[in-house]
Amino acid sequence: MRFFEFKPIKHIKPLTPPQARIHNIKANIDHSKRALKAEKDLQQRQAEVERQRKQRLGR
């Protein structure tokens, strides 16, 4: 690689308080959506297991 192909490292500035609040709100939204999806999936699996159990007992 030649010298002119290197790019300088861009420093990341700390977020301002309003930017930090927005960042945290967005992160919480993403986390909440994942948690909700995981809970719905868990309940669906439990309901399916219960249906299968009842079907086996009903034979």
PDB file of N, CA and C in Angstrom:
ATOM      1  N   MET A   1       0.840  -1.165   0.000  1.00  0.00           N
ATOM      2  CA  MET A   1       0.000   0.000   0.000  1.00  0.00           C
ATOM      3  C   MET A   1       0.894   1.240   0.000  1.00  0.00           C
ATOM      4  N   ARG A   2       0.488   2.209  -0.782  1.00  0.00           N
ATOM      5  CA  ARG A   2       1.275   3.437  -0.830  1.00  0.00           C
ATOM      6  C   ARG A   2       0.781   4.407   0.235  1.00  0.00           C
ATOM      7  N   PHE A   3       1.622   5.327   0.577  1.00  0.00           N
ATOM      8  CA  PHE A   3       1.344   6.223   1.685  1.00  0.00           C
ATOM      9  C   PHE A   3       0.054   7.018   1.473  1.00  0.00           C
ATOM     10  N   PHE A   4      -0.203   7.494   0.259  1.00  0.00           N
ATOM     11  CA  PHE A   4      -1.383   8.336   0.035  1.00  0.00           C
ATOM     12  C   PHE A   4      -2.688   7.543   0.111  1.00  0.00           C
ATOM     13  N   GLU A   5      -2.615   6.216   0.148  1.00  0.00           N
ATOM     14  CA  GLU A   5      -3.820   5.398   0.250  1.00  0.00           C
ATOM     15  C   GLU A   5      -4.338   5.282   1.692  1.00  0.00           C
ATOM     16  N   PHE A   6      -3.496   5.625   2.649  1.00  0.00           N
ATOM     17  CA  PHE A   6      -3.913   5.584   4.050  1.00  0.00           C
ATOM     18  C   PHE A   6      -4.816   6.765   4.355  1.00  0.00           C
ATOM     19  N   LYS A   7      -5.836   6.520   5.139  1.00  0.00           N
ATOM     20  CA  LYS A   7      -6.727   7.603   5.539  1.00  0.00           C
ATOM     21  C   LYS A   7      -6.486   7.899   7.010  1.00  0.00           C
ATOM     22  N   PRO A   8      -6.566   9.157   7.386  1.00  0.00           N
ATOM     23  CA  PRO A   8      -6.371   9.479   8.805  1.00  0.00           C
ATOM     24  C   PRO A   8      -7.525   8.920   9.639  1.00  0.00           C
ATOM     25  N   ILE A   9      -7.235   8.620  10.884  1.00  0.00           N
ATOM     26  CA  ILE A   9      -8.239   8.091  11.801  1.00  0.00           C
ATOM     27  C   ILE A   9      -9.168   9.230  12.204  1.00  0.00           C
ATOM     28  N   LYS A  10     -10.460   9.002  12.058  1.00  0.00           N
ATOM     29  CA  LYS A  10     -11.424  10.014  12.475  1.00  0.00           C
ATOM     30  C   LYS A  10     -11.759   9.772  13.942  1.00  0.00           C
ATOM     31  N   HIS A  11     -11.636  10.808  14.734  1.00  0.00           N
ATOM     32  CA  HIS A  11     -11.936  10.689  16.154  1.00  0.00           C
ATOM     33  C   HIS A  11     -13.441  10.791  16.359  1.00  0.00           C
ATOM     34  N   ILE A  12     -13.952  10.011  17.285  1.00  0.00           N
ATOM     35  CA  ILE A  12     -15.374  10.030  17.595  1.00  0.00           C
ATOM     36  C   ILE A  12     -15.581  10.973  18.776  1.00  0.00           C
ATOM     37  N   LYS A  13     -16.374  11.994  18.544  1.00  0.00           N
ATOM     38  CA  LYS A  13     -16.630  12.966  19.601  1.00  0.00           C
ATOM     39  C   LYS A  13     -17.694  12.410  20.548  1.00  0.00           C
ATOM     40  N   PRO A  14     -17.626  12.770  21.822  1.00  0.00           N
ATOM     41  CA  PRO A  14     -18.684  12.333  22.739  1.00  0.00           C
ATOM     42  C   PRO A  14     -20.011  12.992  22.352  1.00  0.00           C
ATOM     43  N   LEU A  15     -21.093  12.289  22.643  1.00  0.00           N
ATOM     44  CA  LEU A  15     -22.410  12.814  22.307  1.00  0.00           C
ATOM     45  C   LEU A  15     -22.800  13.932  23.266  1.00  0.00           C
ATOM     46  N   THR A  16     -23.544  14.885  22.729  1.00  0.00           N
ATOM     47  CA  THR A  16     -24.087  15.927  23.589  1.00  0.00           C
ATOM     48  C   THR A  16     -25.230  15.301  24.392  1.00  0.00           C
ATOM     49  N   PRO A  17     -25.630  15.895  25.497  1.00  0.00           N
ATOM     50  CA  PRO A  17     -26.726  15.313  26.287  1.00  0.00           C
ATOM     51  C   PRO A  17     -28.004  15.041  25.481  1.00  0.00           C
ATOM     52  N   PRO A  18     -28.459  15.986  24.623  1.00  0.00           N
ATOM     53  CA  PRO A  18     -29.662  15.653  23.830  1.00  0.00           C
ATOM     54  C   PRO A  18     -29.425  14.486  22.871  1.00  0.00           C
ATOM     55  N   GLN A  19     -28.251  14.434  22.262  1.00  0.00           N
ATOM     56  CA  GLN A  19     -27.937  13.330  21.357  1.00  0.00           C
ATOM     57  C   GLN A  19     -27.875  12.012  22.122  1.00  0.00           C
ATOM     58  N   ALA A  20     -27.317  12.049  23.327  1.00  0.00           N
ATOM     59  CA  ALA A  20     -27.213  10.839  24.142  1.00  0.00           C
ATOM     60  C   ALA A  20     -28.604  10.325  24.525  1.00  0.00           C
ATOM     61  N   ARG A  21     -29.527  11.242  24.852  1.00  0.00           N
ATOM     62  CA  ARG A  21     -30.894  10.830  25.194  1.00  0.00           C
ATOM     63  C   ARG A  21     -31.565  10.151  24.007  1.00  0.00           C
ATOM     64  N   ILE A  22     -31.416  10.745  22.825  1.00  0.00           N
ATOM     65  CA  ILE A  22     -32.010  10.159  21.621  1.00  0.00           C
ATOM     66  C   ILE A  22     -31.402   8.789  21.352  1.00  0.00           C
ATOM     67  N   HIS A  23     -30.091   8.683  21.488  1.00  0.00           N
ATOM     68  CA  HIS A  23     -29.407   7.404  21.260  1.00  0.00           C
ATOM     69  C   HIS A  23     -29.933   6.336  22.223  1.00  0.00           C
ATOM     70  N   ASN A  24     -30.087   6.689  23.492  1.00  0.00           N
ATOM     71  CA  ASN A  24     -30.580   5.736  24.492  1.00  0.00           C
ATOM     72  C   ASN A  24     -32.027   5.333  24.227  1.00  0.00           C
ATOM     73  N   ILE A  25     -32.850   6.284  23.814  1.00  0.00           N
ATOM     74  CA  ILE A  25     -34.251   5.971  23.512  1.00  0.00           C
ATOM     75  C   ILE A  25     -34.321   4.990  22.353  1.00  0.00           C
ATOM     76  N   LYS A  26     -33.537   5.235  21.308  1.00  0.00           N
ATOM     77  CA  LYS A  26     -33.526   4.335  20.151  1.00  0.00           C
ATOM     78  C   LYS A  26     -33.027   2.948  20.551  1.00  0.00           C
ATOM     79  N   ALA A  27     -31.998   2.892  21.390  1.00  0.00           N
ATOM     80  CA  ALA A  27     -31.462   1.604  21.837  1.00  0.00           C
ATOM     81  C   ALA A  27     -32.509   0.849  22.656  1.00  0.00           C
ATOM     82  N   ASN A  28     -33.238   1.564  23.511  1.00  0.00           N
ATOM     83  CA  ASN A  28     -34.276   0.922  24.320  1.00  0.00           C
ATOM     84  C   ASN A  28     -35.409   0.395  23.451  1.00  0.00           C
ATOM     85  N   ILE A  29     -35.750   1.126  22.400  1.00  0.00           N
ATOM     86  CA  ILE A  29     -36.808   0.679  21.491  1.00  0.00           C
ATOM     87  C   ILE A  29     -36.395  -0.635  20.843  1.00  0.00           C
ATOM     88  N   ASP A  30     -35.150  -0.690  20.346  1.00  0.00           N
ATOM     89  CA  ASP A  30     -34.671  -1.912  19.702  1.00  0.00           C
ATOM     90  C   ASP A  30     -34.673  -3.082  20.684  1.00  0.00           C
ATOM     91  N   HIS A  31     -34.204  -2.832  21.898  1.00  0.00           N
ATOM     92  CA  HIS A  31     -34.157  -3.885  22.917  1.00  0.00           C
ATOM     93  C   HIS A  31     -35.568  -4.366  23.255  1.00  0.00           C
ATOM     94  N   SER A  32     -36.494  -3.428  23.382  1.00  0.00           N
ATOM     95  CA  SER A  32     -37.871  -3.787  23.720  1.00  0.00           C
ATOM     96  C   SER A  32     -38.521  -4.608  22.612  1.00  0.00           C
ATOM     97  N   LYS A  33     -38.260  -4.248  21.365  1.00  0.00           N
ATOM     98  CA  LYS A  33     -38.825  -5.008  20.243  1.00  0.00           C
ATOM     99  C   LYS A  33     -38.302  -6.440  20.246  1.00  0.00           C
ATOM    100  N   ARG A  34     -37.001  -6.595  20.496  1.00  0.00           N
ATOM    101  CA  ARG A  34     -36.424  -7.945  20.534  1.00  0.00           C
ATOM    102  C   ARG A  34     -37.002  -8.743  21.692  1.00  0.00           C
ATOM    103  N   ALA A  35     -37.153  -8.105  22.853  1.00  0.00           N
ATOM    104  CA  ALA A  35     -37.703  -8.795  24.021  1.00  0.00           C
ATOM    105  C   ALA A  35     -39.155  -9.208  23.771  1.00  0.00           C
ATOM    106  N   LEU A  36     -39.935  -8.341  23.129  1.00  0.00           N
ATOM    107  CA  LEU A  36     -41.326  -8.663  22.822  1.00  0.00           C
ATOM    108  C   LEU A  36     -41.405  -9.840  21.858  1.00  0.00           C
ATOM    109  N   LYS A  37     -40.573  -9.832  20.832  1.00  0.00           N
ATOM    110  CA  LYS A  37     -40.570 -10.930  19.862  1.00  0.00           C
ATOM    111  C   LYS A  37     -40.175 -12.240  20.541  1.00  0.00           C
ATOM    112  N   ALA A  38     -39.172 -12.187  21.407  1.00  0.00           N
ATOM    113  CA  ALA A  38     -38.734 -13.393  22.108  1.00  0.00           C
ATOM    114  C   ALA A  38     -39.857 -13.935  22.997  1.00  0.00           C
ATOM    115  N   GLU A  39     -40.565 -13.051  23.680  1.00  0.00           N
ATOM    116  CA  GLU A  39     -41.661 -13.478  24.553  1.00  0.00           C
ATOM    117  C   GLU A  39     -42.805 -14.086  23.744  1.00  0.00           C
ATOM    118  N   LYS A  40     -43.144 -13.471  22.620  1.00  0.00           N
ATOM    119  CA  LYS A  40     -44.207 -14.029  21.770  1.00  0.00           C
ATOM    120  C   LYS A  40     -43.816 -15.406  21.248  1.00  0.00           C
ATOM    121  N   ASP A  41     -42.569 -15.551  20.812  1.00  0.00           N
ATOM    122  CA  ASP A  41     -42.097 -16.845  20.324  1.00  0.00           C
ATOM    123  C   ASP A  41     -42.159 -17.902  21.425  1.00  0.00           C
ATOM    124  N   LEU A  42     -41.759 -17.521  22.636  1.00  0.00           N
ATOM    125  CA  LEU A  42     -41.797 -18.445  23.766  1.00  0.00           C
ATOM    126  C   LEU A  42     -43.227 -18.903  24.038  1.00  0.00           C
ATOM    127  N   GLN A  43     -44.164 -17.964  24.049  1.00  0.00           N
ATOM    128  CA  GLN A  43     -45.558 -18.317  24.310  1.00  0.00           C
ATOM    129  C   GLN A  43     -46.129 -19.199  23.208  1.00  0.00           C
ATOM    130  N   GLN A  44     -45.735 -18.941  21.963  1.00  0.00           N
ATOM    131  CA  GLN A  44     -46.202 -19.789  20.864  1.00  0.00           C
ATOM    132  C   GLN A  44     -45.678 -21.209  21.016  1.00  0.00           C
ATOM    133  N   ARG A  45     -44.401 -21.338  21.376  1.00  0.00           N
ATOM    134  CA  ARG A  45     -43.827 -22.675  21.574  1.00  0.00           C
ATOM    135  C   ARG A  45     -44.529 -23.393  22.719  1.00  0.00           C
ATOM    136  N   GLN A  46     -44.781 -22.681  23.816  1.00  0.00           N
ATOM    137  CA  GLN A  46     -45.457 -23.299  24.950  1.00  0.00           C
ATOM    138  C   GLN A  46     -46.875 -23.733  24.580  1.00  0.00           C
ATOM    139  N   ALA A  47     -47.575 -22.922  23.811  1.00  0.00           N
ATOM    140  CA  ALA A  47     -48.930 -23.273  23.391  1.00  0.00           C
ATOM    141  C   ALA A  47     -48.901 -24.497  22.481  1.00  0.00           C
ATOM    142  N   GLU A  48     -47.922 -24.582  21.600  1.00  0.00           N
ATOM    143  CA  GLU A  48     -47.810 -25.730  20.702  1.00  0.00           C
ATOM    144  C   GLU A  48     -47.522 -27.008  21.493  1.00  0.00           C
ATOM    145  N   VAL A  49     -46.643 -26.928  22.470  1.00  0.00           N
ATOM    146  CA  VAL A  49     -46.338 -28.089  23.310  1.00  0.00           C
ATOM    147  C   VAL A  49     -47.593 -28.524  24.062  1.00  0.00           C
ATOM    148  N   GLU A  50     -48.351 -27.566  24.575  1.00  0.00           N
ATOM    149  CA  GLU A  50     -49.578 -27.884  25.305  1.00  0.00           C
ATOM    150  C   GLU A  50     -50.601 -28.540  24.378  1.00  0.00           C
ATOM    151  N   ARG A  51     -50.736 -28.033  23.141  1.00  0.00           N
ATOM    152  CA  ARG A  51     -51.653 -28.641  22.173  1.00  0.00           C
ATOM    153  C   ARG A  51     -51.252 -30.079  21.878  1.00  0.00           C
ATOM    154  N   GLN A  52     -49.953 -30.303  21.686  1.00  0.00           N
ATOM    155  CA  GLN A  52     -49.475 -31.657  21.398  1.00  0.00           C
ATOM    156  C   GLN A  52     -49.713 -32.583  22.588  1.00  0.00           C
ATOM    157  N   ARG A  53     -49.511 -32.077  23.799  1.00  0.00           N
ATOM    158  CA  ARG A  53     -49.726 -32.881  25.002  1.00  0.00           C
ATOM    159  C   ARG A  53     -51.195 -33.285  25.115  1.00  0.00           C
ATOM    160  N   LYS A  54     -52.092 -32.328  24.881  1.00  0.00           N
ATOM    161  CA  LYS A  54     -53.524 -32.627  24.956  1.00  0.00           C
ATOM    162  C   LYS A  54     -53.935 -33.609  23.867  1.00  0.00           C
ATOM    163  N   GLN A  55     -53.341 -33.476  22.698  1.00  0.00           N
ATOM    164  CA  GLN A  55     -53.670 -34.373  21.593  1.00  0.00           C
ATOM    165  C   GLN A  55     -53.232 -35.798  21.927  1.00  0.00           C
ATOM    166  N   ARG A  56     -52.051 -35.948  22.544  1.00  0.00           N
ATOM    167  CA  ARG A  56     -51.571 -37.280  22.923  1.00  0.00           C
ATOM    168  C   ARG A  56     -52.461 -37.900  23.992  1.00  0.00           C
ATOM    169  N   LEU A  57     -52.931 -37.086  24.932  1.00  0.00           N
ATOM    170  CA  LEU A  57     -53.782 -37.603  26.005  1.00  0.00           C
ATOM    171  C   LEU A  57     -55.174 -37.953  25.496  1.00  0.00           C
ATOM    172  N   GLY A  58     -55.625 -37.297  24.446  1.00  0.00           N
ATOM    173  CA  GLY A  58     -56.964 -37.520  23.929  1.00  0.00           C
ATOM    174  C   GLY A  58     -57.105 -38.762  23.077  1.00  0.00           C
ATOM    175  N   ARG A  59     -56.045 -39.415  22.727  1.00  0.00           N
ATOM    176  CA  ARG A  59     -56.113 -40.595  21.849  1.00  0.00           C
ATOM    177  C   ARG A  59     -56.801 -41.749  22.498  1.00  0.00           C
TER     178      ARG A  59
END
